[in-house]
Amino acid sequence: MQLLLTARFQRAYAALAPDEQKQIQKALRKMGEDLRYPGLGVKRIRGTKGIWEARASRALRITFETQGDSIILRNVGRHDETLASP
């Protein structure tokens, strides 16, 4: 699958600490290979239509949408802040 980064995702990613960025990069590689990879814990965000979340760590989340063979990365960061504004 192809990963497409929104400007918002890029800004949020740039604001992360280097060790957090490494965790996100690892999760993004797994997402590109297989969204059903168990460690990602992919699930739809309640109250939304077609917006999903994936775990990069216990504290970090990635929100995204799928469109055909593409994954549109919407937001990234700490669990509560990221899911409050997917």
N, C-alpha and C. Protein backbone atom coordinates (compact mmCIF):
# COMPACT_ATOMS: atom_id res chain seq x y z
N MET A 1 0.83 -1.18 0.00
CA MET A 1 0.00 0.00 0.00
C MET A 1 0.88 1.24 0.00
N GLN A 2 0.36 2.27 -0.61
CA GLN A 2 1.07 3.54 -0.69
C GLN A 2 0.65 4.43 0.47
N LEU A 3 1.61 5.06 1.13
CA LEU A 3 1.33 5.96 2.24
C LEU A 3 1.36 7.40 1.75
N LEU A 4 0.26 8.13 1.98
CA LEU A 4 0.17 9.53 1.61
C LEU A 4 0.09 10.36 2.88
N LEU A 5 0.97 11.33 3.02
CA LEU A 5 1.05 12.14 4.23
C LEU A 5 0.37 13.48 4.02
N THR A 6 -0.56 13.82 4.92
CA THR A 6 -1.17 15.14 4.88
C THR A 6 -0.20 16.14 5.51
N ALA A 7 -0.42 17.42 5.24
CA ALA A 7 0.43 18.46 5.84
C ALA A 7 0.32 18.43 7.36
N ARG A 8 -0.87 18.16 7.85
CA ARG A 8 -1.08 18.08 9.30
C ARG A 8 -0.27 16.94 9.91
N PHE A 9 -0.26 15.79 9.25
CA PHE A 9 0.52 14.65 9.72
C PHE A 9 2.00 15.03 9.75
N GLN A 10 2.49 15.67 8.70
CA GLN A 10 3.90 16.05 8.63
C GLN A 10 4.28 17.00 9.76
N ARG A 11 3.43 17.98 10.05
CA ARG A 11 3.71 18.92 11.15
C ARG A 11 3.74 18.20 12.50
N ALA A 12 2.76 17.32 12.72
CA ALA A 12 2.69 16.59 13.99
C ALA A 12 3.88 15.66 14.14
N TYR A 13 4.28 15.01 13.06
CA TYR A 13 5.44 14.11 13.08
C TYR A 13 6.71 14.89 13.41
N ALA A 14 6.88 16.06 12.80
CA ALA A 14 8.08 16.88 13.03
C ALA A 14 8.17 17.34 14.48
N ALA A 15 7.03 17.47 15.16
CA ALA A 15 7.02 17.92 16.55
C ALA A 15 7.37 16.82 17.54
N LEU A 16 7.43 15.59 17.09
CA LEU A 16 7.74 14.46 17.98
C LEU A 16 9.23 14.40 18.29
N ALA A 17 9.56 13.79 19.41
CA ALA A 17 10.96 13.56 19.78
C ALA A 17 11.56 12.52 18.83
N PRO A 18 12.86 12.53 18.64
CA PRO A 18 13.50 11.57 17.72
C PRO A 18 13.17 10.10 18.02
N ASP A 19 13.14 9.71 19.31
CA ASP A 19 12.83 8.32 19.62
C ASP A 19 11.37 7.99 19.25
N GLU A 20 10.48 8.96 19.41
CA GLU A 20 9.09 8.75 19.02
C GLU A 20 8.96 8.65 17.50
N GLN A 21 9.73 9.45 16.79
CA GLN A 21 9.72 9.37 15.33
C GLN A 21 10.15 7.99 14.85
N LYS A 22 11.13 7.40 15.52
CA LYS A 22 11.59 6.06 15.15
C LYS A 22 10.47 5.03 15.35
N GLN A 23 9.71 5.17 16.44
CA GLN A 23 8.60 4.26 16.68
C GLN A 23 7.52 4.43 15.60
N ILE A 24 7.27 5.66 15.21
CA ILE A 24 6.29 5.93 14.15
C ILE A 24 6.77 5.34 12.83
N GLN A 25 8.03 5.52 12.50
CA GLN A 25 8.57 4.98 11.26
C GLN A 25 8.42 3.46 11.19
N LYS A 26 8.68 2.80 12.29
CA LYS A 26 8.53 1.34 12.34
C LYS A 26 7.07 0.95 12.11
N ALA A 27 6.15 1.65 12.76
CA ALA A 27 4.72 1.36 12.58
C ALA A 27 4.29 1.63 11.14
N LEU A 28 4.80 2.69 10.53
CA LEU A 28 4.44 3.01 9.15
C LEU A 28 4.92 1.93 8.19
N ARG A 29 6.10 1.38 8.44
CA ARG A 29 6.59 0.27 7.60
C ARG A 29 5.63 -0.91 7.69
N LYS A 30 5.22 -1.23 8.91
CA LYS A 30 4.28 -2.35 9.09
C LYS A 30 2.94 -2.05 8.42
N MET A 31 2.46 -0.81 8.53
CA MET A 31 1.20 -0.44 7.90
C MET A 31 1.28 -0.61 6.38
N GLY A 32 2.40 -0.23 5.80
CA GLY A 32 2.58 -0.37 4.36
C GLY A 32 2.61 -1.82 3.91
N GLU A 33 3.05 -2.70 4.80
CA GLU A 33 3.13 -4.12 4.48
C GLU A 33 1.80 -4.84 4.72
N ASP A 34 1.19 -4.58 5.91
CA ASP A 34 -0.01 -5.32 6.28
C ASP A 34 -0.75 -4.59 7.40
N LEU A 35 -1.90 -4.00 7.06
CA LEU A 35 -2.68 -3.28 8.08
C LEU A 35 -3.21 -4.20 9.17
N ARG A 36 -3.23 -5.50 8.89
CA ARG A 36 -3.73 -6.45 9.89
C ARG A 36 -2.63 -6.96 10.82
N TYR A 37 -1.45 -6.41 10.72
CA TYR A 37 -0.35 -6.82 11.60
C TYR A 37 -0.82 -6.61 13.05
N PRO A 38 -0.76 -7.66 13.88
CA PRO A 38 -1.35 -7.60 15.23
C PRO A 38 -0.82 -6.47 16.11
N GLY A 39 0.43 -6.14 16.01
CA GLY A 39 1.01 -5.11 16.86
C GLY A 39 0.46 -3.72 16.61
N LEU A 40 -0.14 -3.51 15.45
CA LEU A 40 -0.69 -2.20 15.12
C LEU A 40 -2.04 -1.95 15.80
N GLY A 41 -2.77 -3.01 16.09
CA GLY A 41 -4.07 -2.86 16.75
C GLY A 41 -5.02 -1.93 16.01
N VAL A 42 -5.07 -2.05 14.70
CA VAL A 42 -5.90 -1.15 13.89
C VAL A 42 -7.37 -1.33 14.22
N LYS A 43 -8.05 -0.19 14.44
CA LYS A 43 -9.49 -0.21 14.66
C LYS A 43 -10.09 1.13 14.23
N ARG A 44 -11.38 1.08 13.87
CA ARG A 44 -12.08 2.29 13.46
C ARG A 44 -12.32 3.16 14.69
N ILE A 45 -12.19 4.47 14.50
CA ILE A 45 -12.44 5.41 15.60
C ILE A 45 -13.94 5.61 15.72
N ARG A 46 -14.47 5.39 16.91
CA ARG A 46 -15.90 5.52 17.15
C ARG A 46 -16.39 6.91 16.78
N GLY A 47 -17.57 6.95 16.19
CA GLY A 47 -18.18 8.22 15.84
C GLY A 47 -17.68 8.82 14.54
N THR A 48 -16.84 8.07 13.82
CA THR A 48 -16.35 8.56 12.54
C THR A 48 -16.72 7.57 11.44
N LYS A 49 -16.69 8.06 10.23
CA LYS A 49 -16.93 7.19 9.09
C LYS A 49 -15.62 7.06 8.33
N GLY A 50 -14.99 5.92 8.46
CA GLY A 50 -13.79 5.66 7.67
C GLY A 50 -12.49 6.21 8.20
N ILE A 51 -12.45 6.66 9.45
CA ILE A 51 -11.17 7.09 10.04
C ILE A 51 -10.75 6.01 11.03
N TRP A 52 -9.50 5.59 10.89
CA TRP A 52 -8.96 4.48 11.66
C TRP A 52 -7.79 4.95 12.50
N GLU A 53 -7.46 4.15 13.52
CA GLU A 53 -6.27 4.41 14.32
C GLU A 53 -5.38 3.17 14.33
N ALA A 54 -4.08 3.42 14.48
CA ALA A 54 -3.11 2.34 14.62
C ALA A 54 -2.17 2.72 15.76
N ARG A 55 -1.69 1.72 16.48
CA ARG A 55 -0.74 1.94 17.58
C ARG A 55 0.69 1.90 17.05
N ALA A 56 1.47 2.87 17.49
CA ALA A 56 2.91 2.82 17.24
C ALA A 56 3.62 2.40 18.52
N SER A 57 2.98 2.66 19.66
CA SER A 57 3.48 2.26 20.98
C SER A 57 2.30 2.36 21.93
N ARG A 58 2.55 2.14 23.20
CA ARG A 58 1.45 2.28 24.18
C ARG A 58 0.92 3.70 24.19
N ALA A 59 1.77 4.68 23.94
CA ALA A 59 1.37 6.08 24.05
C ALA A 59 1.09 6.76 22.71
N LEU A 60 1.64 6.24 21.62
CA LEU A 60 1.56 6.92 20.33
C LEU A 60 0.52 6.29 19.40
N ARG A 61 -0.24 7.16 18.72
CA ARG A 61 -1.26 6.71 17.78
C ARG A 61 -1.09 7.41 16.44
N ILE A 62 -1.52 6.72 15.40
CA ILE A 62 -1.56 7.24 14.04
C ILE A 62 -3.01 7.15 13.59
N THR A 63 -3.55 8.23 13.04
CA THR A 63 -4.90 8.15 12.47
C THR A 63 -4.78 8.22 10.95
N PHE A 64 -5.70 7.51 10.29
CA PHE A 64 -5.61 7.42 8.83
C PHE A 64 -6.94 7.05 8.22
N GLU A 65 -7.01 7.21 6.90
CA GLU A 65 -8.13 6.74 6.09
C GLU A 65 -7.54 5.88 4.98
N THR A 66 -8.34 5.02 4.42
CA THR A 66 -7.89 4.25 3.26
C THR A 66 -8.70 4.68 2.05
N GLN A 67 -8.03 4.66 0.91
CA GLN A 67 -8.68 5.00 -0.35
C GLN A 67 -8.01 4.16 -1.43
N GLY A 68 -8.73 3.14 -1.88
CA GLY A 68 -8.14 2.22 -2.84
C GLY A 68 -6.93 1.54 -2.24
N ASP A 69 -5.80 1.65 -2.92
CA ASP A 69 -4.55 1.07 -2.44
C ASP A 69 -3.69 2.05 -1.65
N SER A 70 -4.29 3.14 -1.20
CA SER A 70 -3.54 4.17 -0.48
C SER A 70 -4.01 4.29 0.96
N ILE A 71 -3.07 4.64 1.82
CA ILE A 71 -3.35 4.97 3.21
C ILE A 71 -3.05 6.45 3.36
N ILE A 72 -4.07 7.23 3.72
CA ILE A 72 -3.91 8.67 3.89
C ILE A 72 -3.69 8.93 5.37
N LEU A 73 -2.48 9.33 5.72
CA LEU A 73 -2.11 9.55 7.12
C LEU A 73 -2.60 10.93 7.55
N ARG A 74 -3.46 10.96 8.56
CA ARG A 74 -4.13 12.19 8.98
C ARG A 74 -3.46 12.89 10.14
N ASN A 75 -3.12 12.13 11.20
CA ASN A 75 -2.57 12.74 12.42
C ASN A 75 -1.70 11.71 13.13
N VAL A 76 -0.82 12.20 13.99
CA VAL A 76 0.07 11.33 14.75
C VAL A 76 0.44 12.03 16.04
N GLY A 77 0.61 11.26 17.10
CA GLY A 77 1.03 11.83 18.37
C GLY A 77 0.55 11.02 19.55
N ARG A 78 0.54 11.67 20.71
CA ARG A 78 0.09 11.02 21.94
C ARG A 78 -1.36 10.60 21.83
N HIS A 79 -1.69 9.51 22.47
CA HIS A 79 -3.00 8.88 22.36
C HIS A 79 -4.18 9.85 22.48
N ASP A 80 -4.33 10.51 23.60
CA ASP A 80 -5.50 11.35 23.85
C ASP A 80 -5.60 12.53 22.89
N GLU A 81 -4.49 13.23 22.68
CA GLU A 81 -4.51 14.41 21.81
C GLU A 81 -4.81 14.02 20.36
N THR A 82 -4.23 12.93 19.92
CA THR A 82 -4.40 12.50 18.53
C THR A 82 -5.83 12.02 18.27
N LEU A 83 -6.37 11.24 19.18
CA LEU A 83 -7.72 10.73 18.97
C LEU A 83 -8.80 11.78 19.23
N ALA A 84 -8.47 12.85 19.94
CA ALA A 84 -9.43 13.94 20.13
C ALA A 84 -9.64 14.72 18.84
N SER A 85 -8.66 14.66 17.94
CA SER A 85 -8.73 15.37 16.66
C SER A 85 -8.16 14.48 15.56
N PRO A 86 -8.90 13.40 15.23
CA PRO A 86 -8.34 12.42 14.29
C PRO A 86 -8.14 12.99 12.90
